[in-house]
C-alpha atoms as a PDB file:
ATOM      1  CA  MET A   1     -33.781 -39.883  34.966  1.00  0.00           C
ATOM      2  CA  VAL A   2     -32.435 -36.456  33.721  1.00  0.00           C
ATOM      3  CA  VAL A   3     -29.267 -35.111  35.285  1.00  0.00           C
ATOM      4  CA  PRO A   4     -29.502 -31.303  35.122  1.00  0.00           C
ATOM      5  CA  HIS A   5     -26.968 -29.124  34.041  1.00  0.00           C
ATOM      6  CA  ILE A   6     -24.816 -27.838  36.388  1.00  0.00           C
ATOM      7  CA  ALA A   7     -22.907 -24.689  35.347  1.00  0.00           C
ATOM      8  CA  VAL A   8     -19.409 -25.064  36.134  1.00  0.00           C
ATOM      9  CA  PRO A   9     -17.714 -20.983  36.091  1.00  0.00           C
ATOM     10  CA  ARG A  10     -14.765 -20.657  33.632  1.00  0.00           C
ATOM     11  CA  ILE A  11     -11.532 -19.456  35.394  1.00  0.00           C
ATOM     12  CA  THR A  12      -9.180 -17.281  33.261  1.00  0.00           C
ATOM     13  CA  VAL A  13      -5.667 -16.166  34.131  1.00  0.00           C
ATOM     14  CA  SER A  14      -4.471 -13.021  32.841  1.00  0.00           C
ATOM     15  CA  GLN A  15      -1.844 -10.283  33.669  1.00  0.00           C
ATOM     16  CA  ILE A  16      -2.467  -7.395  36.150  1.00  0.00           C
ATOM     17  CA  ALA A  17      -2.560  -4.743  34.636  1.00  0.00           C
ATOM     18  CA  ALA A  18      -2.455  -0.600  36.238  1.00  0.00           C
ATOM     19  CA  GLU A  19      -6.461  -0.433  36.017  1.00  0.00           C
ATOM     20  CA  ASP A  20      -6.713  -4.030  37.848  1.00  0.00           C
ATOM     21  CA  LEU A  21      -4.180  -2.365  41.141  1.00  0.00           C
ATOM     22  CA  PRO A  22      -7.371  -1.128  43.302  1.00  0.00           C
ATOM     23  CA  GLU A  23      -9.343  -3.762  43.489  1.00  0.00           C
ATOM     24  CA  VAL A  24      -6.131  -5.966  43.652  1.00  0.00           C
ATOM     25  CA  ALA A  25      -4.901  -3.972  46.506  1.00  0.00           C
ATOM     26  CA  ASP A  26      -8.622  -4.543  48.175  1.00  0.00           C
ATOM     27  CA  PHE A  27      -8.527  -8.005  47.352  1.00  0.00           C
ATOM     28  CA  LEU A  28      -5.264  -8.675  48.979  1.00  0.00           C
ATOM     29  CA  HIS A  29      -6.135  -6.526  52.355  1.00  0.00           C
ATOM     30  CA  ARG A  30      -9.476  -8.503  52.653  1.00  0.00           C
ATOM     31  CA  HIS A  31      -8.303 -11.703  52.131  1.00  0.00           C
ATOM     32  CA  LEU A  32      -4.529 -11.845  52.711  1.00  0.00           C
ATOM     33  CA  ASN A  33      -3.088  -9.456  55.463  1.00  0.00           C
ATOM     34  CA  GLN A  34      -5.384  -6.780  56.641  1.00  0.00           C
ATOM     35  CA  ARG A  35      -2.752  -5.102  58.499  1.00  0.00           C
ATOM     36  CA  VAL A  36      -1.675  -3.970  55.205  1.00  0.00           C
ATOM     37  CA  SER A  37      -3.819  -1.169  54.273  1.00  0.00           C
ATOM     38  CA  VAL A  38      -5.377  -0.902  50.593  1.00  0.00           C
ATOM     39  CA  ALA A  39      -2.952   2.280  50.072  1.00  0.00           C
ATOM     40  CA  ASP A  40       0.097   0.459  51.016  1.00  0.00           C
ATOM     41  CA  TRP A  41      -0.823  -2.535  48.743  1.00  0.00           C
ATOM     42  CA  LEU A  42      -0.707   0.124  46.333  1.00  0.00           C
ATOM     43  CA  HIS A  43       2.253   1.766  46.779  1.00  0.00           C
ATOM     44  CA  ALA A  44       4.157  -1.682  47.299  1.00  0.00           C
ATOM     45  CA  VAL A  45       3.183  -2.972  43.867  1.00  0.00           C
ATOM     46  CA  ASP A  46       3.875   0.314  42.268  1.00  0.00           C
ATOM     47  CA  VAL A  47       7.733   0.166  42.673  1.00  0.00           C
ATOM     48  CA  PRO A  48       9.780   3.292  42.844  1.00  0.00           C
ATOM     49  CA  TRP A  49      12.796   2.239  41.341  1.00  0.00           C
ATOM     50  CA  ARG A  50      12.654   2.375  37.043  1.00  0.00           C
ATOM     51  CA  VAL A  51      12.162  -0.609  35.223  1.00  0.00           C
ATOM     52  CA  ASP A  52       9.979  -1.793  32.152  1.00  0.00           C
ATOM     53  CA  ARG A  53       8.070  -3.885  33.629  1.00  0.00           C
ATOM     54  CA  PRO A  54       5.269  -6.502  31.619  1.00  0.00           C
ATOM     55  CA  ASN A  55       2.995  -6.332  34.572  1.00  0.00           C
ATOM     56  CA  PHE A  56       2.283  -6.383  38.254  1.00  0.00           C
ATOM     57  CA  GLY A  57       1.963  -9.891  38.511  1.00  0.00           C
ATOM     58  CA  PHE A  58      -0.958 -12.352  37.547  1.00  0.00           C
ATOM     59  CA  GLN A  59      -4.592 -12.850  38.462  1.00  0.00           C
ATOM     60  CA  LEU A  60      -7.590 -15.414  38.407  1.00  0.00           C
ATOM     61  CA  ARG A  61     -11.265 -14.264  37.169  1.00  0.00           C
ATOM     62  CA  LEU A  62     -14.483 -15.876  36.937  1.00  0.00           C
ATOM     63  CA  ASP A  63     -16.820 -15.263  33.978  1.00  0.00           C
ATOM     64  CA  ASP A  64     -18.285 -12.832  35.370  1.00  0.00           C
ATOM     65  CA  ALA A  65     -15.113 -10.763  36.200  1.00  0.00           C
ATOM     66  CA  THR A  66     -14.855 -11.452  39.907  1.00  0.00           C
ATOM     67  CA  LEU A  67     -11.277 -11.575  41.399  1.00  0.00           C
ATOM     68  CA  ALA A  68     -10.182 -14.856  42.574  1.00  0.00           C
ATOM     69  CA  GLY A  69      -6.456 -15.203  43.068  1.00  0.00           C
ATOM     70  CA  VAL A  70      -3.383 -13.078  43.210  1.00  0.00           C
ATOM     71  CA  LEU A  71      -0.227 -13.552  42.668  1.00  0.00           C
ATOM     72  CA  LEU A  72       2.057  -9.910  42.401  1.00  0.00           C
ATOM     73  CA  ALA A  73       5.412  -9.774  40.615  1.00  0.00           C
ATOM     74  CA  PHE A  74       8.209  -7.035  41.529  1.00  0.00           C
ATOM     75  CA  TYR A  75      10.480  -6.754  38.386  1.00  0.00           C
ATOM     76  CA  SER A  76      13.902  -5.251  38.530  1.00  0.00           C
ATOM     77  CA  GLU A  77      17.001  -5.071  35.819  1.00  0.00           C
ATOM     78  CA  ARG A  78      20.230  -5.758  38.162  1.00  0.00           C
ATOM     79  CA  HIS A  79      23.657  -4.713  36.386  1.00  0.00           C
ATOM     80  CA  LEU A  80      25.988  -7.513  37.793  1.00  0.00           C
ATOM     81  CA  GLY A  81      29.379  -7.329  36.024  1.00  0.00           C
ATOM     82  CA  ASP A  82      29.044  -6.593  32.198  1.00  0.00           C
ATOM     83  CA  THR A  83      25.660  -8.072  32.045  1.00  0.00           C
ATOM     84  CA  THR A  84      21.784  -7.113  32.924  1.00  0.00           C
ATOM     85  CA  GLU A  85      19.967  -9.292  34.294  1.00  0.00           C
ATOM     86  CA  ARG A  86      16.287  -9.174  34.511  1.00  0.00           C
ATOM     87  CA  ILE A  87      14.452 -10.328  37.934  1.00  0.00           C
ATOM     88  CA  CYS A  88      11.027 -11.284  38.499  1.00  0.00           C
ATOM     89  CA  ASN A  89      10.462 -11.411  42.341  1.00  0.00           C
ATOM     90  CA  LEU A  90       7.286 -13.160  43.681  1.00  0.00           C
ATOM     91  CA  GLY A  91       5.451 -11.584  45.893  1.00  0.00           C
ATOM     92  CA  ALA A  92       2.203 -11.987  47.587  1.00  0.00           C
ATOM     93  CA  TRP A  93      -0.036 -15.146  46.493  1.00  0.00           C
ATOM     94  CA  CYS A  94      -3.429 -15.324  47.446  1.00  0.00           C
ATOM     95  CA  VAL A  95      -6.358 -17.598  45.868  1.00  0.00           C
ATOM     96  CA  LEU A  96      -9.813 -17.994  47.551  1.00  0.00           C
ATOM     97  CA  PRO A  97     -10.235 -21.266  49.087  1.00  0.00           C
ATOM     98  CA  THR A  98     -13.157 -22.194  46.610  1.00  0.00           C
ATOM     99  CA  HIS A  99     -10.674 -21.931  43.861  1.00  0.00           C
ATOM    100  CA  ARG A 100      -7.383 -23.029  45.255  1.00  0.00           C
ATOM    101  CA  ALA A 101      -7.280 -26.026  42.821  1.00  0.00           C
ATOM    102  CA  HIS A 102      -6.262 -23.387  40.177  1.00  0.00           C
ATOM    103  CA  SER A 103      -3.527 -21.523  42.147  1.00  0.00           C
ATOM    104  CA  PHE A 104      -0.708 -23.467  39.952  1.00  0.00           C
ATOM    105  CA  ARG A 105      -2.148 -21.483  37.254  1.00  0.00           C
ATOM    106  CA  LEU A 106      -0.768 -18.096  38.495  1.00  0.00           C
ATOM    107  CA  LEU A 107       2.738 -19.577  39.168  1.00  0.00           C
ATOM    108  CA  ARG A 108       2.795 -21.272  35.929  1.00  0.00           C
ATOM    109  CA  ALA A 109       2.153 -18.145  34.165  1.00  0.00           C
ATOM    110  CA  ALA A 110       4.577 -16.375  35.745  1.00  0.00           C
ATOM    111  CA  LEU A 111       7.529 -18.530  35.159  1.00  0.00           C
ATOM    112  CA  ALA A 112       6.156 -18.834  31.647  1.00  0.00           C
ATOM    113  CA  GLN A 113       7.782 -15.377  31.332  1.00  0.00           C
ATOM    114  CA  PRO A 114      11.564 -15.899  29.371  1.00  0.00           C
ATOM    115  CA  GLY A 115      14.578 -14.198  29.678  1.00  0.00           C
ATOM    116  CA  PHE A 116      13.833 -13.980  33.474  1.00  0.00           C
ATOM    117  CA  THR A 117      15.682 -14.865  36.851  1.00  0.00           C
ATOM    118  CA  PHE A 118      13.017 -15.595  39.363  1.00  0.00           C
ATOM    119  CA  THR A 119      13.087 -15.095  43.284  1.00  0.00           C
ATOM    120  CA  ASP A 120      10.971 -15.968  45.762  1.00  0.00           C
ATOM    121  CA  LEU A 121      11.975 -14.649  48.896  1.00  0.00           C
ATOM    122  CA  SER A 122       8.896 -15.290  51.421  1.00  0.00           C
ATOM    123  CA  PRO A 123       7.376 -18.382  50.479  1.00  0.00           C
ATOM    124  CA  SER A 124       5.004 -19.847  52.615  1.00  0.00           C
ATOM    125  CA  GLY A 125       5.365 -23.715  53.842  1.00  0.00           C
ATOM    126  CA  ALA A 126       2.933 -25.127  50.960  1.00  0.00           C
ATOM    127  CA  VAL A 127       4.943 -23.404  48.391  1.00  0.00           C
ATOM    128  CA  ILE A 128       8.633 -24.130  49.227  1.00  0.00           C
ATOM    129  CA  PRO A 129       8.252 -27.935  47.914  1.00  0.00           C
ATOM    130  CA  LEU A 130       6.159 -26.776  44.683  1.00  0.00           C
ATOM    131  CA  ASN A 131       8.808 -24.493  43.775  1.00  0.00           C
ATOM    132  CA  GLU A 132      11.565 -27.254  44.514  1.00  0.00           C
ATOM    133  CA  ARG A 133       9.785 -29.231  41.885  1.00  0.00           C
ATOM    134  CA  LEU A 134       9.897 -26.539  39.391  1.00  0.00           C
ATOM    135  CA  GLY A 135      13.674 -26.411  39.485  1.00  0.00           C
ATOM    136  CA  PHE A 136      14.038 -23.894  42.374  1.00  0.00           C
ATOM    137  CA  SER A 137      16.897 -23.532  44.282  1.00  0.00           C
ATOM    138  CA  ARG A 138      16.853 -22.702  48.280  1.00  0.00           C
ATOM    139  CA  LEU A 139      19.255 -19.703  49.141  1.00  0.00           C
ATOM    140  CA  ASP A 140      21.118 -20.274  52.861  1.00  0.00           C
ATOM    141  CA  THR A 141      19.296 -18.078  55.074  1.00  0.00           C
ATOM    142  CA  SER A 142      21.196 -18.912  58.188  1.00  0.00           C
ATOM    143  CA  VAL A 143      20.850 -16.504  60.673  1.00  0.00           C
ATOM    144  CA  GLN A 144      22.451 -14.522  63.685  1.00  0.00           C
ATOM    145  CA  LEU A 145      20.399 -13.131  66.679  1.00  0.00           C
ATOM    146  CA  VAL A 146      21.980 -10.333  68.194  1.00  0.00           C
ATOM    147  CA  PRO A 147      20.214  -8.266  70.947  1.00  0.00           C
ATOM    148  CA  CYS A 148      19.762  -4.609  70.471  1.00  0.00           C
ATOM    149  CA  LEU A 149      21.492  -2.847  73.273  1.00  0.00           C
ATOM    150  CA  PRO A 150      21.288   0.753  74.455  1.00  0.00           C
ATOM    151  CA  LEU A 151      25.383   1.251  74.349  1.00  0.00           C
ATOM    152  CA  PRO A 152      27.293   4.408  73.361  1.00  0.00           C
ATOM    153  CA  ALA A 153      28.159   4.511  70.041  1.00  0.00           C
ATOM    154  CA  ARG A 154      31.845   4.883  70.530  1.00  0.00           C
ATOM    155  CA  ARG A 155      33.868   5.031  67.440  1.00  0.00           C
ATOM    156  CA  THR A 156      30.831   4.462  65.116  1.00  0.00           C
ATOM    157  CA  GLU A 157      28.857   7.275  63.468  1.00  0.00           C
ATOM    158  CA  VAL A 158      25.176   6.390  62.810  1.00  0.00           C
ATOM    159  CA  ILE A 159      24.165   8.665  60.152  1.00  0.00           C
ATOM    160  CA  HIS A 160      20.139   8.169  58.997  1.00  0.00           C
ATOM    161  CA  ASP A 161      18.779  11.738  58.057  1.00  0.00           C
ATOM    162  CA  GLY A 162      18.097  11.314  53.975  1.00  0.00           C
ATOM    163  CA  PRO A 163      20.453  14.366  52.741  1.00  0.00           C
ATOM    164  CA  ARG A 164      23.287  13.244  54.831  1.00  0.00           C
ATOM    165  CA  ILE A 165      22.656  10.181  53.057  1.00  0.00           C
ATOM    166  CA  GLU A 166      23.120  11.555  49.859  1.00  0.00           C
ATOM    167  CA  GLN A 167      25.997  13.291  50.639  1.00  0.00           C
ATOM    168  CA  VAL A 168      28.611  10.360  51.695  1.00  0.00           C
ATOM    169  CA  LEU A 169      26.962   7.905  49.393  1.00  0.00           C
ATOM    170  CA  HIS A 170      28.778   7.882  45.861  1.00  0.00           C
ATOM    171  CA  GLY A 171      28.159   5.196  42.889  1.00  0.00           C
ATOM    172  CA  ASP A 172      26.351   2.009  43.262  1.00  0.00           C
ATOM    173  CA  GLU A 173      25.613   2.806  46.632  1.00  0.00           C
ATOM    174  CA  LEU A 174      23.787   5.938  46.020  1.00  0.00           C
ATOM    175  CA  ARG A 175      21.893   4.650  43.234  1.00  0.00           C
ATOM    176  CA  ILE A 176      20.641   1.633  45.364  1.00  0.00           C
ATOM    177  CA  TYR A 177      19.623   4.237  47.794  1.00  0.00           C
ATOM    178  CA  ARG A 178      17.714   6.557  45.646  1.00  0.00           C
ATOM    179  CA  ASP A 179      16.404   3.941  43.830  1.00  0.00           C
ATOM    180  CA  HIS A 180      14.816   2.424  47.314  1.00  0.00           C
ATOM    181  CA  ARG A 181      14.370   5.736  49.498  1.00  0.00           C
ATOM    182  CA  ARG A 182      10.965   5.535  48.745  1.00  0.00           C
ATOM    183  CA  ALA A 183      10.148   2.117  49.424  1.00  0.00           C
ATOM    184  CA  ARG A 184       8.219   1.691  52.369  1.00  0.00           C
ATOM    185  CA  ALA A 185       9.795  -1.580  54.268  1.00  0.00           C
ATOM    186  CA  ALA A 186      13.098  -0.403  53.550  1.00  0.00           C
ATOM    187  CA  HIS A 187      14.982   1.748  56.487  1.00  0.00           C
ATOM    188  CA  HIS A 188      18.543   3.596  55.861  1.00  0.00           C
ATOM    189  CA  VAL A 189      21.743   4.187  57.584  1.00  0.00           C
ATOM    190  CA  VAL A 190      25.283   4.948  56.957  1.00  0.00           C
ATOM    191  CA  LEU A 191      27.646   3.598  59.281  1.00  0.00           C
ATOM    192  CA  ARG A 192      30.917   5.644  59.511  1.00  0.00           C
ATOM    193  CA  ARG A 193      34.280   4.524  61.539  1.00  0.00           C
ATOM    194  CA  ASP A 194      37.476   5.519  60.922  1.00  0.00           C
ATOM    195  CA  GLY A 195      37.271   7.197  57.931  1.00  0.00           C
ATOM    196  CA  ARG A 196      35.348   4.119  56.194  1.00  0.00           C
ATOM    197  CA  ILE A 197      31.347   4.020  55.813  1.00  0.00           C
ATOM    198  CA  CYS A 198      28.927   0.589  55.320  1.00  0.00           C
ATOM    199  CA  TYR A 199      25.112   1.900  53.795  1.00  0.00           C
ATOM    200  CA  VAL A 200      22.961  -0.515  55.201  1.00  0.00           C
ATOM    201  CA  ILE A 201      19.460  -1.156  54.586  1.00  0.00           C
ATOM    202  CA  TYR A 202      16.986  -2.826  56.863  1.00  0.00           C
ATOM    203  CA  ARG A 203      13.307  -3.502  58.047  1.00  0.00           C
ATOM    204  CA  LYS A 204      11.271  -4.378  60.718  1.00  0.00           C
ATOM    205  CA  ASP A 205       9.917  -8.082  61.157  1.00  0.00           C
ATOM    206  CA  ARG A 206       7.461  -9.817  62.978  1.00  0.00           C
ATOM    207  CA  ARG A 207       8.081 -13.176  64.469  1.00  0.00           C
ATOM    208  CA  ARG A 208       5.032 -15.101  66.553  1.00  0.00           C
ATOM    209  CA  ASN A 209       3.452 -11.640  65.877  1.00  0.00           C
ATOM    210  CA  ILE A 210       5.875  -9.522  67.610  1.00  0.00           C
ATOM    211  CA  PRO A 211       7.073  -6.870  65.676  1.00  0.00           C
ATOM    212  CA  ALA A 212      10.480  -6.507  67.664  1.00  0.00           C
ATOM    213  CA  PHE A 213      12.927  -7.600  64.968  1.00  0.00           C
ATOM    214  CA  VAL A 214      15.198  -6.002  62.547  1.00  0.00           C
ATOM    215  CA  SER A 215      16.277  -7.797  59.419  1.00  0.00           C
ATOM    216  CA  VAL A 216      19.037  -6.603  57.728  1.00  0.00           C
ATOM    217  CA  LEU A 217      18.662  -6.827  53.779  1.00  0.00           C
ATOM    218  CA  TYR A 218      22.043  -5.341  52.608  1.00  0.00           C
ATOM    219  CA  VAL A 219      25.121  -3.969  53.684  1.00  0.00           C
ATOM    220  CA  SER A 220      27.877  -2.369  51.000  1.00  0.00           C
ATOM    221  CA  ASP A 221      30.777  -3.390  53.441  1.00  0.00           C
ATOM    222  CA  PRO A 222      30.412  -6.921  55.600  1.00  0.00           C
ATOM    223  CA  ALA A 223      33.475  -6.249  57.464  1.00  0.00           C
ATOM    224  CA  GLN A 224      32.768  -2.473  58.424  1.00  0.00           C
ATOM    225  CA  PHE A 225      29.460  -3.478  59.680  1.00  0.00           C
ATOM    226  CA  ARG A 226      30.083  -6.341  61.915  1.00  0.00           C
ATOM    227  CA  SER A 227      32.409  -3.450  63.311  1.00  0.00           C
ATOM    228  CA  GLY A 228      29.692  -1.606  63.816  1.00  0.00           C
ATOM    229  CA  VAL A 229      26.861  -3.638  64.877  1.00  0.00           C
ATOM    230  CA  THR A 230      26.545  -2.633  68.276  1.00  0.00           C
ATOM    231  CA  ALA A 231      26.219   1.046  67.397  1.00  0.00           C
ATOM    232  CA  PHE A 232      23.643  -0.327  64.673  1.00  0.00           C
ATOM    233  CA  GLY A 233      21.601  -2.257  67.333  1.00  0.00           C
ATOM    234  CA  SER A 234      21.318   0.784  69.441  1.00  0.00           C
ATOM    235  CA  HIS A 235      19.913   3.185  66.656  1.00  0.00           C
ATOM    236  CA  VAL A 236      17.436   0.469  65.642  1.00  0.00           C
ATOM    237  CA  LEU A 237      16.237   0.104  69.476  1.00  0.00           C
ATOM    238  CA  ARG A 238      15.911   3.712  70.180  1.00  0.00           C
ATOM    239  CA  ARG A 239      14.561   4.839  66.341  1.00  0.00           C
ATOM    240  CA  ARG A 240      12.792   1.922  65.612  1.00  0.00           C
ATOM    241  CA  HIS A 241      11.992   0.067  68.925  1.00  0.00           C
ATOM    242  CA  GLY A 242      13.643  -3.334  67.567  1.00  0.00           C
ATOM    243  CA  LEU A 243      14.884  -5.777  70.184  1.00  0.00           C
ATOM    244  CA  VAL A 244      16.844  -8.592  68.451  1.00  0.00           C
ATOM    245  CA  LEU A 245      18.717  -8.048  64.814  1.00  0.00           C
ATOM    246  CA  LEU A 246      18.254 -10.986  62.090  1.00  0.00           C
ATOM    247  CA  LEU A 247      21.298 -11.081  60.435  1.00  0.00           C
ATOM    248  CA  GLU A 248      21.693 -13.421  57.262  1.00  0.00           C
ATOM    249  CA  GLU A 249      25.126 -14.909  57.323  1.00  0.00           C
ATOM    250  CA  ARG A 250      25.422 -14.521  53.522  1.00  0.00           C
ATOM    251  CA  THR A 251      24.720 -10.891  53.796  1.00  0.00           C
ATOM    252  CA  VAL A 252      27.210  -9.733  56.715  1.00  0.00           C
ATOM    253  CA  GLY A 253      29.173 -12.374  57.108  1.00  0.00           C
ATOM    254  CA  PRO A 254      30.024 -14.575  60.546  1.00  0.00           C
ATOM    255  CA  LEU A 255      29.506 -13.103  63.880  1.00  0.00           C
ATOM    256  CA  PHE A 256      31.026 -15.269  66.562  1.00  0.00           C
ATOM    257  CA  PHE A 257      29.207 -13.785  69.330  1.00  0.00           C
ATOM    258  CA  ALA A 258      25.914 -14.494  68.091  1.00  0.00           C
ATOM    259  CA  ARG A 259      23.390 -16.961  68.625  1.00  0.00           C
ATOM    260  CA  HIS A 260      22.638 -19.341  65.216  1.00  0.00           C
ATOM    261  CA  LEU A 261      19.473 -20.912  63.396  1.00  0.00           C
ATOM    262  CA  ALA A 262      17.761 -21.534  60.731  1.00  0.00           C
ATOM    263  CA  GLY A 263      16.253 -18.844  58.648  1.00  0.00           C
ATOM    264  CA  ARG A 264      13.282 -18.477  56.587  1.00  0.00           C
ATOM    265  CA  PRO A 265      13.644 -20.030  53.302  1.00  0.00           C
ATOM    266  CA  LYS A 266      14.227 -18.110  49.973  1.00  0.00           C
ATOM    267  CA  MET A 267      14.682 -19.375  47.092  1.00  0.00           C
ATOM    268  CA  PHE A 268      15.706 -18.615  43.213  1.00  0.00           C
ATOM    269  CA  LYS A 269      15.503 -20.008  39.622  1.00  0.00           C
ATOM    270  CA  SER A 270      17.841 -18.774  37.311  1.00  0.00           C
ATOM    271  CA  THR A 271      19.917 -20.318  33.902  1.00  0.00           C
ATOM    272  CA  THR A 272      22.328 -17.341  34.436  1.00  0.00           C
ATOM    273  CA  LEU A 273      22.913 -16.218  37.879  1.00  0.00           C
ATOM    274  CA  ARG A 274      24.342 -18.363  40.921  1.00  0.00           C
ATOM    275  CA  ALA A 275      23.176 -18.162  45.111  1.00  0.00           C
ATOM    276  CA  ASP A 276      25.855 -15.546  45.279  1.00  0.00           C
ATOM    277  CA  ASP A 277      23.829 -13.298  42.818  1.00  0.00           C
ATOM    278  CA  ILE A 278      20.881 -13.172  44.633  1.00  0.00           C
ATOM    279  CA  ASP A 279      20.319 -10.440  47.243  1.00  0.00           C
ATOM    280  CA  ASN A 280      17.079  -9.028  49.000  1.00  0.00           C
ATOM    281  CA  LEU A 281      16.873  -5.710  47.051  1.00  0.00           C
ATOM    282  CA  TYR A 282      14.484  -4.779  44.986  1.00  0.00           C
ATOM    283  CA  SER A 283      12.116  -6.760  46.168  1.00  0.00           C
ATOM    284  CA  GLU A 284       8.744  -7.211  47.926  1.00  0.00           C
ATOM    285  CA  LEU A 285      10.890  -7.254  51.239  1.00  0.00           C
ATOM    286  CA  THR A 286      11.953  -3.956  50.577  1.00  0.00           C
ATOM    287  CA  CYS A 287       8.570  -2.582  49.233  1.00  0.00           C
ATOM    288  CA  LEU A 288       5.889  -4.095  51.472  1.00  0.00           C
ATOM    289  CA  ALA A 289       5.582  -3.808  55.621  1.00  0.00           C
ATOM    290  CA  TRP A 290       3.786  -6.663  57.071  1.00  0.00           C
END
């Protein structure tokens, strides 16, 4: 009996270049999240801050150049103390079901890049144990829930106008604002109380498909934020229709009147940084609203 020859398509892994982005964005829109438009995928991966990035992530392609899988990467250079750290934030990861056996090759290609600290700030359930086997550590993502109530601001002024924010911020906070002001998932306010200010970056989030949650990604002064959290909650209720604040304790510190629960996992892998050095900035969380 002659066994017929069955051609098995070869699948290659390559870096995502700028010319690949329209096809990558369309692939992610169709196969990962149709709530995110092709234009928004394109805008998200082309990060607004300056960085010398080696690629936009990695892709799987068949012999006929058909796109079969994508792992996005968001790069940044962070000045921490006296050193500059190169960060690779692993973003959206999507592989067609027929080629899921090759998914690990994308992650392996990303982690093979030398000289980077890697973060994964929104890993899916199946990815978490895989990351742990590859040396990733979990961040403490204990979350505090605070309702957004329509209460008067009293002593706290909430500044949300871009030109006014630029006027009151200085130094590192001003640089962070300018780096993120075009990031579509990042919203910005400054809380001013008793002559002190706190710069806040936050995003709208979904829980159980309800887009009524607000996650605070960054605060410049945790104590000042806690003093003005009621005014902040009232502001996002009016401006963003947020109903509940999701406040990571590692970002804002402890709030004794909040309800506490375990947050969604976040992970990192580094030979130079500790968990306390990792934050939510310069990442998919600031660039991509879903």
